[in-house]
Amino acid sequence: SDSRWKTFFLYAYGFKAQGNCARCPETTRIVESVPGMKTAFFSILGPGKHIPAHRGPYKGVVRCHLGLVVPAPSERCRIRVGEKFASWREGEVLLFDDTYDHEVWNDTAGVRVVLFLDVVRPLRFPASLLNAGVLRLIAASPYVQDGVENYRRWEEKFEAMGGAERQSAAPPRNRASGARSRVAATSCSWTGRCSYPGARAPSPEGGYCSSWGKSVSTSCC
């Protein structure tokens, strides 16, 4: 498994990860206010990680990345979409169409964190109606429902750990040291379906679409 790419899911095609949302109430409030939001999660990329080239399956959504922690030098932490390259900036939003071939590198010694959103693509009627129907079908598909079931099983195990054990696992809150001190592998795991070329079978520490959680402490939320 690859522990250098971790995610902490809040929403996936309309499914709300109740436990994770409760752990990040302010972030949840914000993403729920975004018109057309379908998917929302923290994406954490460790030092030296490369996400191979891949494409999204459907043009009905637009991808949005909000830079939260971007290590220096920023030009070595970058994304390619089609033939264009870009780097994230903390507090700024990057929008792109993920059905274009794209890949990501973090060639720095630090950790990159973005808030990842998929929002419904603005379309005129009747295309908007057709798009809504397709998104409902995707939400009901095994692509999403397998992950929903695995998340629920994980949440049951997590709750069985007990509050005291969970608290002892959490890192101390430290506002003065900034956002970089607030990312830790303390949370949960979602096992879904991987969608990029060369992806391995899902595992508790897997990569894209294969770990819903296991990355962000409540102190950054």
Protein backbone atom coordinates (compact mmCIF):
# COMPACT_ATOMS: atom_id res chain seq x y z
CA SER A 1 0.00 0.00 0.00
CA ASP A 2 1.06 3.65 -0.46
CA SER A 3 0.84 5.80 2.65
CA ARG A 4 2.05 8.89 0.78
CA TRP A 5 -1.43 9.64 -0.60
CA LYS A 6 -4.21 9.91 1.95
CA THR A 7 -7.68 11.35 1.93
CA PHE A 8 -10.31 12.35 4.47
CA PHE A 9 -13.77 12.27 2.91
CA LEU A 10 -16.74 14.42 3.86
CA TYR A 11 -19.02 13.88 0.84
CA ALA A 12 -18.99 11.56 -2.18
CA TYR A 13 -21.60 12.07 -4.91
CA GLY A 14 -24.05 13.31 -2.30
CA PHE A 15 -23.30 10.67 0.35
CA LYS A 16 -22.41 12.35 3.64
CA ALA A 17 -19.72 10.71 5.77
CA GLN A 18 -21.46 11.60 9.01
CA GLY A 19 -18.62 10.68 11.35
CA ASN A 20 -15.98 12.60 9.42
CA CYS A 21 -18.28 15.60 9.02
CA ALA A 22 -18.87 15.64 12.78
CA ARG A 23 -15.09 15.72 13.28
CA CYS A 24 -14.77 18.72 10.93
CA PRO A 25 -17.90 20.81 11.58
CA GLU A 26 -16.60 24.13 10.25
CA THR A 27 -15.25 22.67 7.02
CA THR A 28 -18.50 20.75 6.59
CA ARG A 29 -20.52 23.94 7.03
CA ILE A 30 -18.44 25.66 4.37
CA VAL A 31 -18.55 22.89 1.77
CA GLU A 32 -22.29 22.43 2.27
CA SER A 33 -22.76 26.08 1.33
CA VAL A 34 -21.09 25.57 -2.07
CA PRO A 35 -23.79 25.40 -4.79
CA GLY A 36 -23.78 22.06 -6.60
CA MET A 37 -21.19 20.42 -4.32
CA LYS A 38 -21.20 16.64 -4.85
CA THR A 39 -17.86 15.49 -3.46
CA ALA A 40 -15.61 17.01 -0.80
CA PHE A 41 -12.51 15.70 0.91
CA PHE A 42 -9.03 16.61 2.12
CA SER A 43 -6.32 15.28 -0.18
CA ILE A 44 -2.91 14.82 1.49
CA LEU A 45 0.13 14.15 -0.67
CA GLY A 46 3.34 13.08 1.02
CA PRO A 47 6.89 13.99 -0.01
CA GLY A 48 8.04 12.43 -3.26
CA LYS A 49 4.59 11.20 -4.28
CA HIS A 50 3.60 11.01 -7.94
CA ILE A 51 -0.01 10.30 -8.97
CA PRO A 52 0.10 8.75 -12.45
CA ALA A 53 -1.77 10.24 -15.39
CA HIS A 54 -5.50 9.49 -15.29
CA ARG A 55 -8.87 10.91 -16.38
CA GLY A 56 -12.18 11.48 -14.64
CA PRO A 57 -15.08 9.36 -15.91
CA TYR A 58 -17.67 12.07 -16.58
CA LYS A 59 -17.86 15.74 -17.65
CA GLY A 60 -20.89 16.53 -15.48
CA VAL A 61 -18.76 17.98 -12.66
CA VAL A 62 -15.94 20.51 -12.37
CA ARG A 63 -12.94 19.84 -10.13
CA CYS A 64 -11.90 22.42 -7.53
CA HIS A 65 -8.75 22.40 -5.34
CA LEU A 66 -8.35 24.89 -2.49
CA GLY A 67 -4.71 25.05 -1.42
CA LEU A 68 -4.32 24.61 2.35
CA VAL A 69 -0.70 23.52 2.82
CA VAL A 70 1.68 23.91 -0.11
CA PRO A 71 5.34 23.07 0.53
CA ALA A 72 8.19 25.02 -1.01
CA PRO A 73 9.39 25.32 -3.63
CA SER A 74 5.86 25.45 -5.03
CA GLU A 75 6.98 24.80 -8.60
CA ARG A 76 8.06 21.31 -7.50
CA CYS A 77 4.58 20.59 -6.15
CA ARG A 78 2.49 20.71 -9.29
CA ILE A 79 -0.30 19.34 -11.45
CA ARG A 80 -0.45 18.80 -15.19
CA VAL A 81 -3.84 19.05 -16.93
CA GLY A 82 -3.55 18.28 -20.63
CA GLU A 83 -0.44 20.18 -21.71
CA LYS A 84 -0.64 22.85 -19.01
CA PHE A 85 1.16 22.85 -15.65
CA ALA A 86 0.12 24.68 -12.48
CA SER A 87 1.10 24.82 -8.82
CA TRP A 88 -1.19 25.30 -5.84
CA ARG A 89 -1.10 28.39 -3.64
CA GLU A 90 -2.31 28.47 -0.09
CA GLY A 91 -5.73 30.09 0.16
CA GLU A 92 -6.29 30.08 -3.60
CA VAL A 93 -8.56 27.93 -5.76
CA LEU A 94 -7.57 25.89 -8.81
CA LEU A 95 -10.41 24.84 -11.16
CA PHE A 96 -10.07 22.30 -13.95
CA ASP A 97 -11.89 19.69 -16.02
CA ASP A 98 -10.72 16.33 -14.70
CA THR A 99 -11.79 14.47 -17.85
CA TYR A 100 -8.60 15.84 -19.39
CA ASP A 101 -5.54 13.66 -18.83
CA HIS A 102 -3.87 14.88 -15.63
CA GLU A 103 -1.22 13.88 -13.11
CA VAL A 104 0.33 15.24 -9.93
CA TRP A 105 3.83 15.46 -8.42
CA ASN A 106 5.05 16.44 -4.97
CA ASP A 107 8.82 16.60 -5.48
CA THR A 108 9.40 18.44 -2.20
CA ALA A 109 10.28 17.35 1.33
CA GLY A 110 6.94 18.59 2.68
CA VAL A 111 3.29 17.54 2.72
CA ARG A 112 0.72 19.06 0.35
CA VAL A 113 -2.88 19.42 1.53
CA VAL A 114 -5.80 20.62 -0.58
CA LEU A 115 -9.54 20.71 -0.02
CA PHE A 116 -10.89 18.80 -3.03
CA LEU A 117 -14.38 19.52 -4.37
CA ASP A 118 -16.43 18.30 -7.31
CA VAL A 119 -19.28 20.67 -8.17
CA VAL A 120 -22.03 20.24 -10.75
CA ARG A 121 -21.07 21.73 -14.10
CA PRO A 122 -23.37 24.69 -14.97
CA LEU A 123 -25.50 23.68 -17.96
CA ARG A 124 -28.61 25.02 -19.64
CA PHE A 125 -31.91 23.16 -19.61
CA PRO A 126 -32.50 20.40 -20.71
CA ALA A 127 -28.81 19.41 -20.44
CA SER A 128 -28.88 20.28 -16.73
CA LEU A 129 -31.77 17.84 -16.19
CA LEU A 130 -29.95 15.06 -18.03
CA ASN A 131 -26.79 15.75 -16.02
CA ALA A 132 -28.70 15.53 -12.73
CA GLY A 133 -30.05 12.13 -13.79
CA VAL A 134 -26.60 10.80 -14.69
CA LEU A 135 -25.17 12.00 -11.37
CA ARG A 136 -27.94 10.17 -9.52
CA LEU A 137 -27.06 6.99 -11.43
CA ILE A 138 -23.38 7.39 -10.52
CA ALA A 139 -24.32 7.86 -6.85
CA ALA A 140 -26.29 4.59 -6.94
CA SER A 141 -23.56 2.67 -8.78
CA PRO A 142 -21.08 0.20 -7.23
CA TYR A 143 -18.39 2.83 -7.90
CA VAL A 144 -19.84 4.84 -4.99
CA GLN A 145 -21.90 2.31 -3.03
CA ASP A 146 -18.97 -0.06 -2.43
CA GLY A 147 -17.15 2.81 -0.77
CA VAL A 148 -20.23 3.79 1.25
CA GLU A 149 -20.51 0.29 2.69
CA ASN A 150 -16.80 0.09 3.50
CA TYR A 151 -16.93 3.49 5.19
CA ARG A 152 -19.84 2.38 7.36
CA ARG A 153 -17.95 -0.75 8.42
CA TRP A 154 -14.91 1.33 9.28
CA GLU A 155 -17.02 3.80 11.27
CA GLU A 156 -18.42 0.96 13.37
CA LYS A 157 -14.88 -0.26 14.15
CA PHE A 158 -13.71 3.28 14.89
CA GLU A 159 -16.53 3.88 17.36
CA ALA A 160 -15.80 0.53 19.01
CA MET A 161 -12.30 1.82 19.84
CA GLY A 162 -13.81 4.13 22.48
CA GLY A 163 -13.37 7.84 23.06
CA ALA A 164 -10.36 7.61 25.36
CA GLU A 165 -8.29 5.66 22.87
CA ARG A 166 -9.22 8.02 20.05
CA GLN A 167 -8.25 11.05 22.12
CA SER A 168 -4.88 9.54 23.00
CA ALA A 169 -4.20 9.00 19.30
CA ALA A 170 -4.94 12.60 18.31
CA PRO A 171 -2.04 15.09 18.06
CA PRO A 172 -2.01 18.16 20.32
CA ARG A 173 -3.62 21.31 18.97
CA ASN A 174 -1.07 23.95 18.15
CA ARG A 175 -2.44 27.06 16.46
CA ALA A 176 0.82 29.02 16.73
CA SER A 177 2.79 26.64 14.53
CA GLY A 178 0.34 26.93 11.63
CA ALA A 179 -1.45 24.51 9.37
CA ARG A 180 1.53 22.24 8.79
CA SER A 181 1.44 21.05 12.40
CA ARG A 182 -2.19 20.06 12.09
CA VAL A 183 -1.91 17.18 9.62
CA ALA A 184 -1.45 13.73 11.10
CA ALA A 185 -2.35 10.16 10.25
CA THR A 186 -4.91 9.71 13.00
CA SER A 187 -8.28 9.32 11.41
CA CYS A 188 -10.14 6.83 9.29
CA SER A 189 -10.08 4.75 6.14
CA TRP A 190 -12.40 4.41 3.16
CA THR A 191 -11.84 1.62 0.66
CA GLY A 192 -13.36 2.40 -2.71
CA ARG A 193 -12.43 1.72 -6.33
CA CYS A 194 -9.23 3.01 -7.89
CA SER A 195 -9.57 4.68 -11.27
CA TYR A 196 -6.11 5.58 -12.54
CA PRO A 197 -3.83 3.36 -14.66
CA GLY A 198 -1.64 1.02 -12.65
CA ALA A 199 -3.70 1.30 -9.47
CA ARG A 200 -3.51 -1.67 -7.15
CA ALA A 201 -6.44 -3.34 -5.46
CA PRO A 202 -7.94 -1.13 -2.72
CA SER A 203 -6.37 -1.38 0.70
CA PRO A 204 -6.78 0.46 4.03
CA GLU A 205 -3.79 2.67 3.15
CA GLY A 206 -4.52 2.92 -0.57
CA GLY A 207 -4.37 5.81 -2.97
CA TYR A 208 -6.86 7.62 -5.18
CA CYS A 209 -10.43 6.44 -4.51
CA SER A 210 -9.14 3.87 -2.06
CA SER A 211 -8.77 5.64 1.25
CA TRP A 212 -11.57 7.76 2.63
CA GLY A 213 -9.78 9.17 5.65
CA LYS A 214 -6.69 8.23 7.64
CA SER A 215 -5.17 11.64 7.26
CA VAL A 216 -6.43 14.79 8.95
CA SER A 217 -6.85 15.50 12.62
CA THR A 218 -9.82 17.49 13.92
CA SER A 219 -7.45 20.34 14.81
CA CYS A 220 -7.31 21.43 11.15
CA CYS A 221 -11.05 21.34 10.63
